[in-house]
N, C-alpha and C. Protein backbone atom coordinates (compact mmCIF):
# COMPACT_ATOMS: atom_id res chain seq x y z
N MET A 1 126.11 167.12 -114.72
CA MET A 1 125.06 167.79 -115.45
C MET A 1 125.69 168.67 -116.52
N THR A 2 125.12 168.65 -117.70
CA THR A 2 125.60 169.47 -118.80
C THR A 2 124.71 170.69 -118.97
N TYR A 3 125.32 171.85 -119.12
CA TYR A 3 124.57 173.08 -119.36
C TYR A 3 124.78 173.51 -120.80
N LEU A 4 123.72 173.86 -121.45
CA LEU A 4 123.80 174.36 -122.82
C LEU A 4 123.78 175.87 -122.78
N GLU A 5 124.72 176.47 -123.47
CA GLU A 5 124.76 177.92 -123.53
C GLU A 5 123.72 178.39 -124.53
N GLN A 6 122.94 179.37 -124.15
CA GLN A 6 121.93 179.93 -125.03
C GLN A 6 122.24 181.39 -125.27
N ALA A 7 121.85 181.86 -126.44
CA ALA A 7 122.07 183.26 -126.78
C ALA A 7 121.22 184.16 -125.90
N PHE A 8 121.76 185.29 -125.53
CA PHE A 8 121.01 186.28 -124.77
C PHE A 8 120.87 187.58 -125.53
N ASN A 9 121.48 187.65 -126.73
CA ASN A 9 121.40 188.85 -127.53
C ASN A 9 121.61 188.48 -129.00
N ALA A 10 121.21 189.38 -129.89
CA ALA A 10 121.38 189.15 -131.33
C ALA A 10 121.70 190.47 -132.01
N GLU A 11 122.50 190.39 -133.05
CA GLU A 11 122.87 191.57 -133.84
C GLU A 11 122.81 191.21 -135.32
N ILE A 12 122.42 192.17 -136.14
CA ILE A 12 122.46 191.98 -137.59
C ILE A 12 123.92 191.96 -138.02
N VAL A 13 124.26 191.03 -138.90
CA VAL A 13 125.63 190.91 -139.40
C VAL A 13 125.70 191.44 -140.82
N THR A 14 126.60 192.35 -141.05
CA THR A 14 126.92 192.81 -142.40
C THR A 14 128.27 192.19 -142.76
N PRO A 15 128.30 191.27 -143.72
CA PRO A 15 129.58 190.66 -144.10
C PRO A 15 130.61 191.73 -144.44
N ASN A 16 131.85 191.51 -143.97
CA ASN A 16 132.89 192.52 -144.10
C ASN A 16 134.24 191.82 -144.17
N ASN A 17 135.01 192.09 -145.20
CA ASN A 17 136.33 191.48 -145.34
C ASN A 17 137.37 192.07 -144.40
N ASN A 18 137.12 193.25 -143.88
CA ASN A 18 138.14 193.98 -143.14
C ASN A 18 137.94 194.04 -141.64
N ALA A 19 136.80 193.54 -141.14
CA ALA A 19 136.54 193.66 -139.70
C ALA A 19 135.76 192.47 -139.18
N ASN A 20 136.01 192.16 -137.91
CA ASN A 20 135.23 191.12 -137.25
C ASN A 20 133.81 191.62 -137.01
N ILE A 21 132.93 190.71 -136.63
CA ILE A 21 131.55 191.06 -136.32
C ILE A 21 131.54 192.07 -135.19
N THR A 22 130.78 193.14 -135.35
CA THR A 22 130.66 194.16 -134.33
C THR A 22 129.37 193.94 -133.55
N LEU A 23 129.51 193.85 -132.25
CA LEU A 23 128.36 193.68 -131.36
C LEU A 23 128.19 194.96 -130.56
N SER A 24 127.05 195.12 -129.93
CA SER A 24 126.80 196.33 -129.15
C SER A 24 127.84 196.50 -128.04
N GLY A 25 128.43 195.39 -127.59
CA GLY A 25 129.43 195.47 -126.53
C GLY A 25 130.86 195.53 -127.05
N GLY A 26 131.05 195.62 -128.38
CA GLY A 26 132.39 195.66 -128.94
C GLY A 26 132.53 194.70 -130.09
N THR A 27 133.75 194.41 -130.47
CA THR A 27 134.04 193.52 -131.59
C THR A 27 134.40 192.14 -131.07
N ILE A 28 133.97 191.11 -131.76
CA ILE A 28 134.28 189.74 -131.36
C ILE A 28 135.77 189.48 -131.54
N ASN A 29 136.37 188.91 -130.52
CA ASN A 29 137.73 188.37 -130.62
C ASN A 29 137.91 187.31 -129.56
N ALA A 30 138.82 186.41 -129.78
CA ALA A 30 138.99 185.26 -128.89
C ALA A 30 139.38 185.65 -127.48
N ALA A 31 140.01 186.80 -127.31
CA ALA A 31 140.47 187.20 -125.98
C ALA A 31 139.33 187.66 -125.07
N SER A 32 138.24 188.17 -125.65
CA SER A 32 137.22 188.79 -124.81
C SER A 32 135.90 188.06 -124.75
N ASN A 33 135.63 187.11 -125.64
CA ASN A 33 134.36 186.40 -125.60
C ASN A 33 134.45 185.11 -126.39
N ASN A 34 133.35 184.39 -126.46
CA ASN A 34 133.34 183.08 -127.11
C ASN A 34 132.83 183.12 -128.54
N GLY A 35 132.85 184.26 -129.19
CA GLY A 35 132.37 184.34 -130.56
C GLY A 35 130.86 184.37 -130.60
N ALA A 36 130.33 184.17 -131.79
CA ALA A 36 128.89 184.20 -131.98
C ALA A 36 128.47 183.03 -132.86
N CYS A 37 127.30 182.48 -132.57
CA CYS A 37 126.67 181.52 -133.46
C CYS A 37 125.90 182.33 -134.50
N LEU A 38 125.51 181.70 -135.58
CA LEU A 38 124.83 182.42 -136.65
C LEU A 38 123.46 181.85 -136.95
N TYR A 39 122.54 182.74 -137.31
CA TYR A 39 121.26 182.37 -137.90
C TYR A 39 121.29 182.91 -139.32
N ILE A 40 120.99 182.06 -140.29
CA ILE A 40 121.00 182.44 -141.70
C ILE A 40 119.55 182.48 -142.18
N GLY A 41 119.04 183.69 -142.42
CA GLY A 41 117.66 183.83 -142.86
C GLY A 41 117.44 183.41 -144.30
N THR A 42 118.31 183.88 -145.18
CA THR A 42 118.24 183.53 -146.60
C THR A 42 119.52 182.79 -146.96
N GLY A 43 119.35 181.55 -147.34
CA GLY A 43 120.48 180.65 -147.52
C GLY A 43 121.37 180.95 -148.71
N GLY A 44 122.42 180.17 -148.79
CA GLY A 44 123.42 180.29 -149.85
C GLY A 44 124.76 179.84 -149.33
N LYS A 45 125.79 180.51 -149.77
CA LYS A 45 127.17 180.22 -149.35
C LYS A 45 127.59 181.27 -148.33
N ILE A 46 128.31 180.83 -147.30
CA ILE A 46 128.79 181.77 -146.29
C ILE A 46 130.23 181.40 -145.92
N THR A 47 131.10 182.41 -145.93
CA THR A 47 132.49 182.23 -145.55
C THR A 47 132.71 182.95 -144.23
N VAL A 48 133.30 182.24 -143.28
CA VAL A 48 133.50 182.78 -141.93
C VAL A 48 134.92 182.54 -141.47
N THR A 49 135.33 183.30 -140.47
CA THR A 49 136.53 182.98 -139.72
C THR A 49 136.05 182.45 -138.38
N MET A 50 136.43 181.21 -138.10
CA MET A 50 136.07 180.58 -136.84
C MET A 50 136.83 181.25 -135.70
N LEU A 51 136.35 181.09 -134.49
CA LEU A 51 137.01 181.70 -133.34
C LEU A 51 138.44 181.21 -133.19
N GLY A 52 138.72 179.99 -133.66
CA GLY A 52 140.08 179.45 -133.61
C GLY A 52 141.00 179.98 -134.69
N GLY A 53 140.44 180.79 -135.63
CA GLY A 53 141.26 181.42 -136.65
C GLY A 53 141.14 180.83 -138.05
N GLN A 54 140.49 179.67 -138.20
CA GLN A 54 140.36 179.06 -139.51
C GLN A 54 139.31 179.76 -140.35
N LYS A 55 139.61 179.97 -141.62
CA LYS A 55 138.65 180.52 -142.58
C LYS A 55 137.98 179.34 -143.28
N VAL A 56 136.65 179.30 -143.23
CA VAL A 56 135.89 178.16 -143.74
C VAL A 56 134.72 178.67 -144.58
N THR A 57 134.45 177.97 -145.69
CA THR A 57 133.27 178.29 -146.51
C THR A 57 132.26 177.15 -146.38
N PHE A 58 131.03 177.52 -146.03
CA PHE A 58 129.92 176.56 -145.97
C PHE A 58 129.07 176.77 -147.22
N HIS A 59 128.85 175.71 -147.97
CA HIS A 59 128.07 175.77 -149.21
C HIS A 59 126.66 175.25 -148.97
N ASN A 60 125.71 175.77 -149.74
CA ASN A 60 124.33 175.27 -149.74
C ASN A 60 123.64 175.33 -148.39
N VAL A 61 123.90 176.38 -147.63
CA VAL A 61 123.21 176.59 -146.36
C VAL A 61 121.76 176.95 -146.70
N VAL A 62 120.82 176.28 -146.09
CA VAL A 62 119.41 176.50 -146.43
C VAL A 62 118.82 177.65 -145.62
N ASP A 63 117.73 178.21 -146.12
CA ASP A 63 117.02 179.28 -145.42
C ASP A 63 116.66 178.83 -144.00
N GLY A 64 116.80 179.74 -143.06
CA GLY A 64 116.37 179.46 -141.69
C GLY A 64 117.29 178.54 -140.91
N THR A 65 118.57 178.52 -141.26
CA THR A 65 119.53 177.63 -140.59
C THR A 65 120.18 178.31 -139.39
N PHE A 66 120.22 177.59 -138.26
CA PHE A 66 121.04 177.99 -137.12
C PHE A 66 122.37 177.27 -137.27
N MET A 67 123.47 178.00 -137.22
CA MET A 67 124.79 177.41 -137.33
C MET A 67 125.45 177.45 -135.95
N PRO A 68 125.52 176.30 -135.26
CA PRO A 68 126.08 176.26 -133.91
C PRO A 68 127.60 176.22 -133.92
N ILE A 69 128.18 177.25 -134.51
CA ILE A 69 129.63 177.37 -134.61
C ILE A 69 130.03 178.69 -133.99
N GLN A 70 131.26 178.82 -133.54
CA GLN A 70 131.72 180.06 -132.94
C GLN A 70 132.55 180.81 -133.97
N VAL A 71 132.01 181.94 -134.41
CA VAL A 71 132.68 182.71 -135.46
C VAL A 71 133.02 184.11 -134.96
N GLN A 72 134.03 184.69 -135.60
CA GLN A 72 134.40 186.07 -135.30
C GLN A 72 134.24 186.99 -136.50
N LYS A 73 134.17 186.42 -137.71
CA LYS A 73 134.03 187.24 -138.91
C LYS A 73 133.18 186.52 -139.94
N VAL A 74 132.34 187.29 -140.63
CA VAL A 74 131.64 186.81 -141.83
C VAL A 74 132.18 187.62 -142.99
N TRP A 75 132.77 186.93 -143.95
CA TRP A 75 133.43 187.57 -145.09
C TRP A 75 132.41 187.99 -146.14
N ALA A 76 132.60 189.17 -146.74
CA ALA A 76 131.77 189.60 -147.86
C ALA A 76 132.11 188.78 -149.11
N THR A 77 133.41 188.54 -149.29
CA THR A 77 133.86 187.71 -150.42
C THR A 77 133.43 186.27 -150.16
N ASP A 78 132.85 185.64 -151.14
CA ASP A 78 132.39 184.25 -151.05
C ASP A 78 131.22 184.05 -150.10
N THR A 79 130.47 185.10 -149.82
CA THR A 79 129.22 184.97 -149.05
C THR A 79 128.09 185.54 -149.87
N ASP A 80 127.10 184.70 -150.18
CA ASP A 80 125.90 185.22 -150.84
C ASP A 80 124.64 184.96 -150.00
N ALA A 81 124.80 184.29 -148.87
CA ALA A 81 123.69 184.17 -147.91
C ALA A 81 123.41 185.56 -147.35
N SER A 82 122.18 185.78 -146.87
CA SER A 82 121.84 187.09 -146.34
C SER A 82 120.89 186.95 -145.14
N ASP A 83 120.48 188.07 -144.62
CA ASP A 83 119.63 188.09 -143.42
C ASP A 83 120.30 187.29 -142.29
N ILE A 84 121.55 187.64 -142.03
CA ILE A 84 122.38 186.91 -141.06
C ILE A 84 122.32 187.63 -139.71
N LEU A 85 122.12 186.83 -138.67
CA LEU A 85 122.15 187.35 -137.30
C LEU A 85 123.26 186.66 -136.53
N ALA A 86 123.98 187.43 -135.72
CA ALA A 86 124.94 186.87 -134.77
C ALA A 86 124.20 186.69 -133.46
N LEU A 87 124.26 185.50 -132.91
CA LEU A 87 123.63 185.18 -131.63
C LEU A 87 124.72 184.98 -130.61
N TYR A 88 124.61 185.68 -129.50
CA TYR A 88 125.66 185.59 -128.49
C TYR A 88 125.09 185.78 -127.10
């Protein structure tokens, strides 16, 4: 049987070049949790650091997109998407 992990909490994400996503329980890092998936309210371009450490830019993300990826950082540089939520 396969179990799908579902979010149990959400936090507003402010893109930041200098810090990982901050959650009410602390900062995301690979040692302490599985990262966060993202909801993009207002689409555009979004640059993230994946939980594995890779920096990736997603182009043309549409409004209302759920991104089922594990991220630890949303970069201010090269991100123009907004209304971003971290789901964890």
